[in-house]
């Protein structure tokens, strides 16, 4: 939810496909 809201405010200059992957895969850092 926070990542979706942050994306509304701060847009990464990337494709929609990459961002869809990014917001999930970034969680690997948290998991480690």
ModelCIF file with pLDDT and N, C-alpha, C, O atoms, coordinates in Angstrom:
data_MODEL
#
_entry.id   MODEL 
#
_entity.id                         1 
_entity.type                       polymer 
_entity.pdbx_number_of_molecules   1 
#
_entity_poly.entity_id                      1 
_entity_poly.type                           'polypeptide(L)' 
_entity_poly.nstd_linkage                   no 
_entity_poly.nstd_monomer                   no 
_entity_poly.pdbx_seq_one_letter_code       
;(UNK)(UNK)(UNK)(UNK)(UNK)(UNK)(UNK)(UNK)(UNK)(UNK)(UNK)(UNK)(UNK)(UNK)(UNK)(UNK)
(UNK)(UNK)(UNK)(UNK)(UNK)(UNK)(UNK)(UNK)(UNK)(UNK)(UNK)(UNK)(UNK)(UNK)(UNK)(UNK)
;
_entity_poly.pdbx_seq_one_letter_code_can   XXXXXXXXXXXXXXXXXXXXXXXXXXXXXXXX 
_entity_poly.pdbx_strand_id                 A 
#
loop_
_entity_poly_seq.entity_id 
_entity_poly_seq.num 
_entity_poly_seq.mon_id 
_entity_poly_seq.hetero 
1 1  UNK n 
1 2  UNK n 
1 3  UNK n 
1 4  UNK n 
1 5  UNK n 
1 6  UNK n 
1 7  UNK n 
1 8  UNK n 
1 9  UNK n 
1 10 UNK n 
1 11 UNK n 
1 12 UNK n 
1 13 UNK n 
1 14 UNK n 
1 15 UNK n 
1 16 UNK n 
1 17 UNK n 
1 18 UNK n 
1 19 UNK n 
1 20 UNK n 
1 21 UNK n 
1 22 UNK n 
1 23 UNK n 
1 24 UNK n 
1 25 UNK n 
1 26 UNK n 
1 27 UNK n 
1 28 UNK n 
1 29 UNK n 
1 30 UNK n 
1 31 UNK n 
1 32 UNK n 
#
_struct_asym.id          A 
_struct_asym.entity_id   1 
#
loop_
_ma_qa_metric.id 
_ma_qa_metric.mode 
_ma_qa_metric.name 
_ma_qa_metric.software_group_id 
_ma_qa_metric.type 
1 global pLDDT . pLDDT 
2 local  pLDDT . pLDDT 
#
_ma_qa_metric_global.metric_id      1 
_ma_qa_metric_global.metric_value   88.50 
_ma_qa_metric_global.model_id       1 
_ma_qa_metric_global.ordinal_id     1 
#
loop_
_ma_qa_metric_local.label_asym_id 
_ma_qa_metric_local.label_comp_id 
_ma_qa_metric_local.label_seq_id 
_ma_qa_metric_local.metric_id 
_ma_qa_metric_local.metric_value 
_ma_qa_metric_local.model_id 
_ma_qa_metric_local.ordinal_id 
A UNK 1  2 76.00 1 1  
A UNK 2  2 87.00 1 2  
A UNK 3  2 83.00 1 3  
A UNK 4  2 77.00 1 4  
A UNK 5  2 80.00 1 5  
A UNK 6  2 87.00 1 6  
A UNK 7  2 84.00 1 7  
A UNK 8  2 81.00 1 8  
A UNK 9  2 84.00 1 9  
A UNK 10 2 88.00 1 10 
A UNK 11 2 87.00 1 11 
A UNK 12 2 91.00 1 12 
A UNK 13 2 90.00 1 13 
A UNK 14 2 91.00 1 14 
A UNK 15 2 91.00 1 15 
A UNK 16 2 89.00 1 16 
A UNK 17 2 90.00 1 17 
A UNK 18 2 93.00 1 18 
A UNK 19 2 90.00 1 19 
A UNK 20 2 87.00 1 20 
A UNK 21 2 92.00 1 21 
A UNK 22 2 93.00 1 22 
A UNK 23 2 88.00 1 23 
A UNK 24 2 88.00 1 24 
A UNK 25 2 92.00 1 25 
A UNK 26 2 94.00 1 26 
A UNK 27 2 91.00 1 27 
A UNK 28 2 93.00 1 28 
A UNK 29 2 93.00 1 29 
A UNK 30 2 94.00 1 30 
A UNK 31 2 94.00 1 31 
A UNK 32 2 94.00 1 32 
#
loop_
_atom_site.group_PDB 
_atom_site.id 
_atom_site.type_symbol 
_atom_site.label_atom_id 
_atom_site.label_alt_id 
_atom_site.label_comp_id 
_atom_site.label_asym_id 
_atom_site.label_entity_id 
_atom_site.label_seq_id 
_atom_site.pdbx_PDB_ins_code 
_atom_site.Cartn_x 
_atom_site.Cartn_y 
_atom_site.Cartn_z 
_atom_site.occupancy 
_atom_site.B_iso_or_equiv 
_atom_site.pdbx_formal_charge 
_atom_site.auth_seq_id 
_atom_site.auth_comp_id 
_atom_site.auth_asym_id 
_atom_site.auth_atom_id 
_atom_site.pdbx_PDB_model_num 
ATOM 1   N N  . UNK A 1 1  ? 0.812  -1.211  0.000   1.00 76.00 ? 1  UNK A N  1 
ATOM 2   C CA . UNK A 1 1  ? 0.000  0.000   0.000   1.00 76.00 ? 1  UNK A CA 1 
ATOM 3   C C  . UNK A 1 1  ? 0.842  1.256   0.000   1.00 76.00 ? 1  UNK A C  1 
ATOM 4   O O  . UNK A 1 1  ? 0.566  2.194   -0.748  1.00 76.00 ? 1  UNK A O  1 
ATOM 5   N N  . UNK A 1 2  ? 1.868  1.279   0.835   1.00 87.00 ? 2  UNK A N  1 
ATOM 6   C CA . UNK A 1 2  ? 2.744  2.457   0.899   1.00 87.00 ? 2  UNK A CA 1 
ATOM 7   C C  . UNK A 1 2  ? 3.544  2.629   -0.393  1.00 87.00 ? 2  UNK A C  1 
ATOM 8   O O  . UNK A 1 2  ? 3.787  3.750   -0.839  1.00 87.00 ? 2  UNK A O  1 
ATOM 9   N N  . UNK A 1 3  ? 3.949  1.505   -0.987  1.00 83.00 ? 3  UNK A N  1 
ATOM 10  C CA . UNK A 1 3  ? 4.707  1.585   -2.242  1.00 83.00 ? 3  UNK A CA 1 
ATOM 11  C C  . UNK A 1 3  ? 3.827  2.134   -3.364  1.00 83.00 ? 3  UNK A C  1 
ATOM 12  O O  . UNK A 1 3  ? 4.289  2.914   -4.197  1.00 83.00 ? 3  UNK A O  1 
ATOM 13  N N  . UNK A 1 4  ? 2.556  1.722   -3.382  1.00 77.00 ? 4  UNK A N  1 
ATOM 14  C CA . UNK A 1 4  ? 1.628  2.244   -4.385  1.00 77.00 ? 4  UNK A CA 1 
ATOM 15  C C  . UNK A 1 4  ? 1.429  3.741   -4.190  1.00 77.00 ? 4  UNK A C  1 
ATOM 16  O O  . UNK A 1 4  ? 1.418  4.506   -5.154  1.00 77.00 ? 4  UNK A O  1 
ATOM 17  N N  . UNK A 1 5  ? 1.271  4.152   -2.934  1.00 80.00 ? 5  UNK A N  1 
ATOM 18  C CA . UNK A 1 5  ? 1.066  5.571   -2.641  1.00 80.00 ? 5  UNK A CA 1 
ATOM 19  C C  . UNK A 1 5  ? 2.323  6.381   -2.945  1.00 80.00 ? 5  UNK A C  1 
ATOM 20  O O  . UNK A 1 5  ? 2.240  7.492   -3.467  1.00 80.00 ? 5  UNK A O  1 
ATOM 21  N N  . UNK A 1 6  ? 3.484  5.822   -2.619  1.00 87.00 ? 6  UNK A N  1 
ATOM 22  C CA . UNK A 1 6  ? 4.737  6.515   -2.917  1.00 87.00 ? 6  UNK A CA 1 
ATOM 23  C C  . UNK A 1 6  ? 4.905  6.700   -4.418  1.00 87.00 ? 6  UNK A C  1 
ATOM 24  O O  . UNK A 1 6  ? 5.398  7.731   -4.874  1.00 87.00 ? 6  UNK A O  1 
ATOM 25  N N  . UNK A 1 7  ? 4.493  5.695   -5.179  1.00 84.00 ? 7  UNK A N  1 
ATOM 26  C CA . UNK A 1 7  ? 4.589  5.788   -6.632  1.00 84.00 ? 7  UNK A CA 1 
ATOM 27  C C  . UNK A 1 7  ? 3.692  6.891   -7.191  1.00 84.00 ? 7  UNK A C  1 
ATOM 28  O O  . UNK A 1 7  ? 3.965  7.435   -8.261  1.00 84.00 ? 7  UNK A O  1 
ATOM 29  N N  . UNK A 1 8  ? 2.629  7.218   -6.471  1.00 81.00 ? 8  UNK A N  1 
ATOM 30  C CA . UNK A 1 8  ? 1.765  8.319   -6.890  1.00 81.00 ? 8  UNK A CA 1 
ATOM 31  C C  . UNK A 1 8  ? 2.472  9.665   -6.735  1.00 81.00 ? 8  UNK A C  1 
ATOM 32  O O  . UNK A 1 8  ? 2.174  10.623  -7.447  1.00 81.00 ? 8  UNK A O  1 
ATOM 33  N N  . UNK A 1 9  ? 3.411  9.717   -5.795  1.00 84.00 ? 9  UNK A N  1 
ATOM 34  C CA . UNK A 1 9  ? 4.096  10.979  -5.469  1.00 84.00 ? 9  UNK A CA 1 
ATOM 35  C C  . UNK A 1 9  ? 5.465  11.062  -6.131  1.00 84.00 ? 9  UNK A C  1 
ATOM 36  O O  . UNK A 1 9  ? 5.834  12.092  -6.696  1.00 84.00 ? 9  UNK A O  1 
ATOM 37  N N  . UNK A 1 10 ? 6.214  9.960   -6.054  1.00 88.00 ? 10 UNK A N  1 
ATOM 38  C CA . UNK A 1 10 ? 7.582  9.920   -6.593  1.00 88.00 ? 10 UNK A CA 1 
ATOM 39  C C  . UNK A 1 10 ? 7.646  8.836   -7.666  1.00 88.00 ? 10 UNK A C  1 
ATOM 40  O O  . UNK A 1 10 ? 7.711  7.649   -7.347  1.00 88.00 ? 10 UNK A O  1 
ATOM 41  N N  . UNK A 1 11 ? 7.627  9.228   -8.893  1.00 87.00 ? 11 UNK A N  1 
ATOM 42  C CA . UNK A 1 11 ? 7.627  8.278   -9.999  1.00 87.00 ? 11 UNK A CA 1 
ATOM 43  C C  . UNK A 1 11 ? 9.054  7.900   -10.400 1.00 87.00 ? 11 UNK A C  1 
ATOM 44  O O  . UNK A 1 11 ? 9.883  8.762   -10.694 1.00 87.00 ? 11 UNK A O  1 
ATOM 45  N N  . UNK A 1 12 ? 9.318  6.600   -10.405 1.00 91.00 ? 12 UNK A N  1 
ATOM 46  C CA . UNK A 1 12 ? 10.575 6.136   -10.977 1.00 91.00 ? 12 UNK A CA 1 
ATOM 47  C C  . UNK A 1 12 ? 10.483 6.228   -12.498 1.00 91.00 ? 12 UNK A C  1 
ATOM 48  O O  . UNK A 1 12 ? 9.450  5.899   -13.080 1.00 91.00 ? 12 UNK A O  1 
ATOM 49  N N  . UNK A 1 13 ? 11.545 6.668   -13.132 1.00 90.00 ? 13 UNK A N  1 
ATOM 50  C CA . UNK A 1 13 ? 11.562 6.804   -14.586 1.00 90.00 ? 13 UNK A CA 1 
ATOM 51  C C  . UNK A 1 13 ? 11.899 5.453   -15.214 1.00 90.00 ? 13 UNK A C  1 
ATOM 52  O O  . UNK A 1 13 ? 12.972 5.256   -15.785 1.00 90.00 ? 13 UNK A O  1 
ATOM 53  N N  . UNK A 1 14 ? 10.941 4.528   -15.087 1.00 91.00 ? 14 UNK A N  1 
ATOM 54  C CA . UNK A 1 14 ? 11.123 3.167   -15.608 1.00 91.00 ? 14 UNK A CA 1 
ATOM 55  C C  . UNK A 1 14 ? 9.822  2.726   -16.273 1.00 91.00 ? 14 UNK A C  1 
ATOM 56  O O  . UNK A 1 14 ? 8.797  3.398   -16.160 1.00 91.00 ? 14 UNK A O  1 
ATOM 57  N N  . UNK A 1 15 ? 9.873  1.606   -16.959 1.00 91.00 ? 15 UNK A N  1 
ATOM 58  C CA . UNK A 1 15 ? 8.679  1.085   -17.612 1.00 91.00 ? 15 UNK A CA 1 
ATOM 59  C C  . UNK A 1 15 ? 7.715  0.526   -16.568 1.00 91.00 ? 15 UNK A C  1 
ATOM 60  O O  . UNK A 1 15 ? 8.119  0.209   -15.449 1.00 91.00 ? 15 UNK A O  1 
ATOM 61  N N  . UNK A 1 16 ? 6.449  0.408   -16.936 1.00 89.00 ? 16 UNK A N  1 
ATOM 62  C CA . UNK A 1 16 ? 5.446  -0.167  -16.040 1.00 89.00 ? 16 UNK A CA 1 
ATOM 63  C C  . UNK A 1 16 ? 5.787  -1.611  -15.705 1.00 89.00 ? 16 UNK A C  1 
ATOM 64  O O  . UNK A 1 16 ? 5.573  -2.060  -14.579 1.00 89.00 ? 16 UNK A O  1 
ATOM 65  N N  . UNK A 1 17 ? 6.315  -2.337  -16.681 1.00 90.00 ? 17 UNK A N  1 
ATOM 66  C CA . UNK A 1 17 ? 6.670  -3.731  -16.462 1.00 90.00 ? 17 UNK A CA 1 
ATOM 67  C C  . UNK A 1 17 ? 7.784  -3.850  -15.413 1.00 90.00 ? 17 UNK A C  1 
ATOM 68  O O  . UNK A 1 17 ? 7.729  -4.709  -14.532 1.00 90.00 ? 17 UNK A O  1 
ATOM 69  N N  . UNK A 1 18 ? 8.794  -2.978  -15.518 1.00 93.00 ? 18 UNK A N  1 
ATOM 70  C CA . UNK A 1 18 ? 9.892  -3.022  -14.556 1.00 93.00 ? 18 UNK A CA 1 
ATOM 71  C C  . UNK A 1 18 ? 9.399  -2.638  -13.169 1.00 93.00 ? 18 UNK A C  1 
ATOM 72  O O  . UNK A 1 18 ? 9.768  -3.284  -12.187 1.00 93.00 ? 18 UNK A O  1 
ATOM 73  N N  . UNK A 1 19 ? 8.574  -1.599  -13.066 1.00 90.00 ? 19 UNK A N  1 
ATOM 74  C CA . UNK A 1 19 ? 8.116  -1.157  -11.750 1.00 90.00 ? 19 UNK A CA 1 
ATOM 75  C C  . UNK A 1 19 ? 7.258  -2.220  -11.079 1.00 90.00 ? 19 UNK A C  1 
ATOM 76  O O  . UNK A 1 19 ? 7.346  -2.420  -9.868  1.00 90.00 ? 19 UNK A O  1 
ATOM 77  N N  . UNK A 1 20 ? 6.422  -2.908  -11.870 1.00 87.00 ? 20 UNK A N  1 
ATOM 78  C CA . UNK A 1 20 ? 5.605  -3.982  -11.323 1.00 87.00 ? 20 UNK A CA 1 
ATOM 79  C C  . UNK A 1 20 ? 6.476  -5.064  -10.703 1.00 87.00 ? 20 UNK A C  1 
ATOM 80  O O  . UNK A 1 20 ? 6.133  -5.621  -9.661  1.00 87.00 ? 20 UNK A O  1 
ATOM 81  N N  . UNK A 1 21 ? 7.607  -5.363  -11.347 1.00 92.00 ? 21 UNK A N  1 
ATOM 82  C CA . UNK A 1 21 ? 8.554  -6.332  -10.822 1.00 92.00 ? 21 UNK A CA 1 
ATOM 83  C C  . UNK A 1 21 ? 9.325  -5.750  -9.642  1.00 92.00 ? 21 UNK A C  1 
ATOM 84  O O  . UNK A 1 21 ? 9.530  -6.435  -8.640  1.00 92.00 ? 21 UNK A O  1 
ATOM 85  N N  . UNK A 1 22 ? 9.751  -4.502  -9.752  1.00 93.00 ? 22 UNK A N  1 
ATOM 86  C CA . UNK A 1 22 ? 10.577 -3.838  -8.741  1.00 93.00 ? 22 UNK A CA 1 
ATOM 87  C C  . UNK A 1 22 ? 9.902  -3.806  -7.376  1.00 93.00 ? 22 UNK A C  1 
ATOM 88  O O  . UNK A 1 22 ? 10.537 -4.108  -6.366  1.00 93.00 ? 22 UNK A O  1 
ATOM 89  N N  . UNK A 1 23 ? 8.617  -3.443  -7.335  1.00 88.00 ? 23 UNK A N  1 
ATOM 90  C CA . UNK A 1 23 ? 7.941  -3.276  -6.053  1.00 88.00 ? 23 UNK A CA 1 
ATOM 91  C C  . UNK A 1 23 ? 7.758  -4.593  -5.306  1.00 88.00 ? 23 UNK A C  1 
ATOM 92  O O  . UNK A 1 23 ? 7.457  -4.593  -4.113  1.00 88.00 ? 23 UNK A O  1 
ATOM 93  N N  . UNK A 1 24 ? 7.939  -5.709  -5.999  1.00 88.00 ? 24 UNK A N  1 
ATOM 94  C CA . UNK A 1 24 ? 7.893  -7.021  -5.351  1.00 88.00 ? 24 UNK A CA 1 
ATOM 95  C C  . UNK A 1 24 ? 9.297  -7.514  -5.022  1.00 88.00 ? 24 UNK A C  1 
ATOM 96  O O  . UNK A 1 24 ? 9.549  -7.961  -3.903  1.00 88.00 ? 24 UNK A O  1 
ATOM 97  N N  . UNK A 1 25 ? 10.207 -7.438  -5.982  1.00 92.00 ? 25 UNK A N  1 
ATOM 98  C CA . UNK A 1 25 ? 11.548 -8.004  -5.808  1.00 92.00 ? 25 UNK A CA 1 
ATOM 99  C C  . UNK A 1 25 ? 12.375 -7.214  -4.803  1.00 92.00 ? 25 UNK A C  1 
ATOM 100 O O  . UNK A 1 25 ? 13.298 -7.765  -4.204  1.00 92.00 ? 25 UNK A O  1 
ATOM 101 N N  . UNK A 1 26 ? 12.067 -5.944  -4.607  1.00 94.00 ? 26 UNK A N  1 
ATOM 102 C CA . UNK A 1 26 ? 12.782 -5.149  -3.606  1.00 94.00 ? 26 UNK A CA 1 
ATOM 103 C C  . UNK A 1 26 ? 12.618 -5.760  -2.215  1.00 94.00 ? 26 UNK A C  1 
ATOM 104 O O  . UNK A 1 26 ? 13.429 -5.517  -1.322  1.00 94.00 ? 26 UNK A O  1 
ATOM 105 N N  . UNK A 1 27 ? 11.551 -6.562  -2.041  1.00 91.00 ? 27 UNK A N  1 
ATOM 106 C CA . UNK A 1 27 ? 11.296 -7.213  -0.763  1.00 91.00 ? 27 UNK A CA 1 
ATOM 107 C C  . UNK A 1 27 ? 12.363 -8.246  -0.410  1.00 91.00 ? 27 UNK A C  1 
ATOM 108 O O  . UNK A 1 27 ? 12.495 -8.620  0.755   1.00 91.00 ? 27 UNK A O  1 
ATOM 109 N N  . UNK A 1 28 ? 13.122 -8.709  -1.394  1.00 93.00 ? 28 UNK A N  1 
ATOM 110 C CA . UNK A 1 28 ? 14.182 -9.676  -1.105  1.00 93.00 ? 28 UNK A CA 1 
ATOM 111 C C  . UNK A 1 28 ? 15.198 -9.106  -0.131  1.00 93.00 ? 28 UNK A C  1 
ATOM 112 O O  . UNK A 1 28 ? 15.739 -9.835  0.701   1.00 93.00 ? 28 UNK A O  1 
ATOM 113 N N  . UNK A 1 29 ? 15.460 -7.809  -0.226  1.00 93.00 ? 29 UNK A N  1 
ATOM 114 C CA . UNK A 1 29 ? 16.372 -7.177  0.720   1.00 93.00 ? 29 UNK A CA 1 
ATOM 115 C C  . UNK A 1 29 ? 15.846 -7.270  2.136   1.00 93.00 ? 29 UNK A C  1 
ATOM 116 O O  . UNK A 1 29 ? 16.591 -7.569  3.070   1.00 93.00 ? 29 UNK A O  1 
ATOM 117 N N  . UNK A 1 30 ? 14.546 -7.010  2.292   1.00 94.00 ? 30 UNK A N  1 
ATOM 118 C CA . UNK A 1 30 ? 13.923 -7.099  3.613   1.00 94.00 ? 30 UNK A CA 1 
ATOM 119 C C  . UNK A 1 30 ? 13.967 -8.533  4.139   1.00 94.00 ? 30 UNK A C  1 
ATOM 120 O O  . UNK A 1 30 ? 14.188 -8.757  5.329   1.00 94.00 ? 30 UNK A O  1 
ATOM 121 N N  . UNK A 1 31 ? 13.758 -9.493  3.255   1.00 94.00 ? 31 UNK A N  1 
ATOM 122 C CA . UNK A 1 31 ? 13.758 -10.899 3.659   1.00 94.00 ? 31 UNK A CA 1 
ATOM 123 C C  . UNK A 1 31 ? 15.133 -11.355 4.141   1.00 94.00 ? 31 UNK A C  1 
ATOM 124 O O  . UNK A 1 31 ? 15.237 -12.129 5.092   1.00 94.00 ? 31 UNK A O  1 
ATOM 125 N N  . UNK A 1 32 ? 16.174 -10.878 3.490   1.00 94.00 ? 32 UNK A N  1 
ATOM 126 C CA . UNK A 1 32 ? 17.520 -11.256 3.906   1.00 94.00 ? 32 UNK A CA 1 
ATOM 127 C C  . UNK A 1 32 ? 17.806 -10.809 5.332   1.00 94.00 ? 32 UNK A C  1 
ATOM 128 O O  . UNK A 1 32 ? 18.899 -11.046 5.847   1.00 94.00 ? 32 UNK A O  1 
#
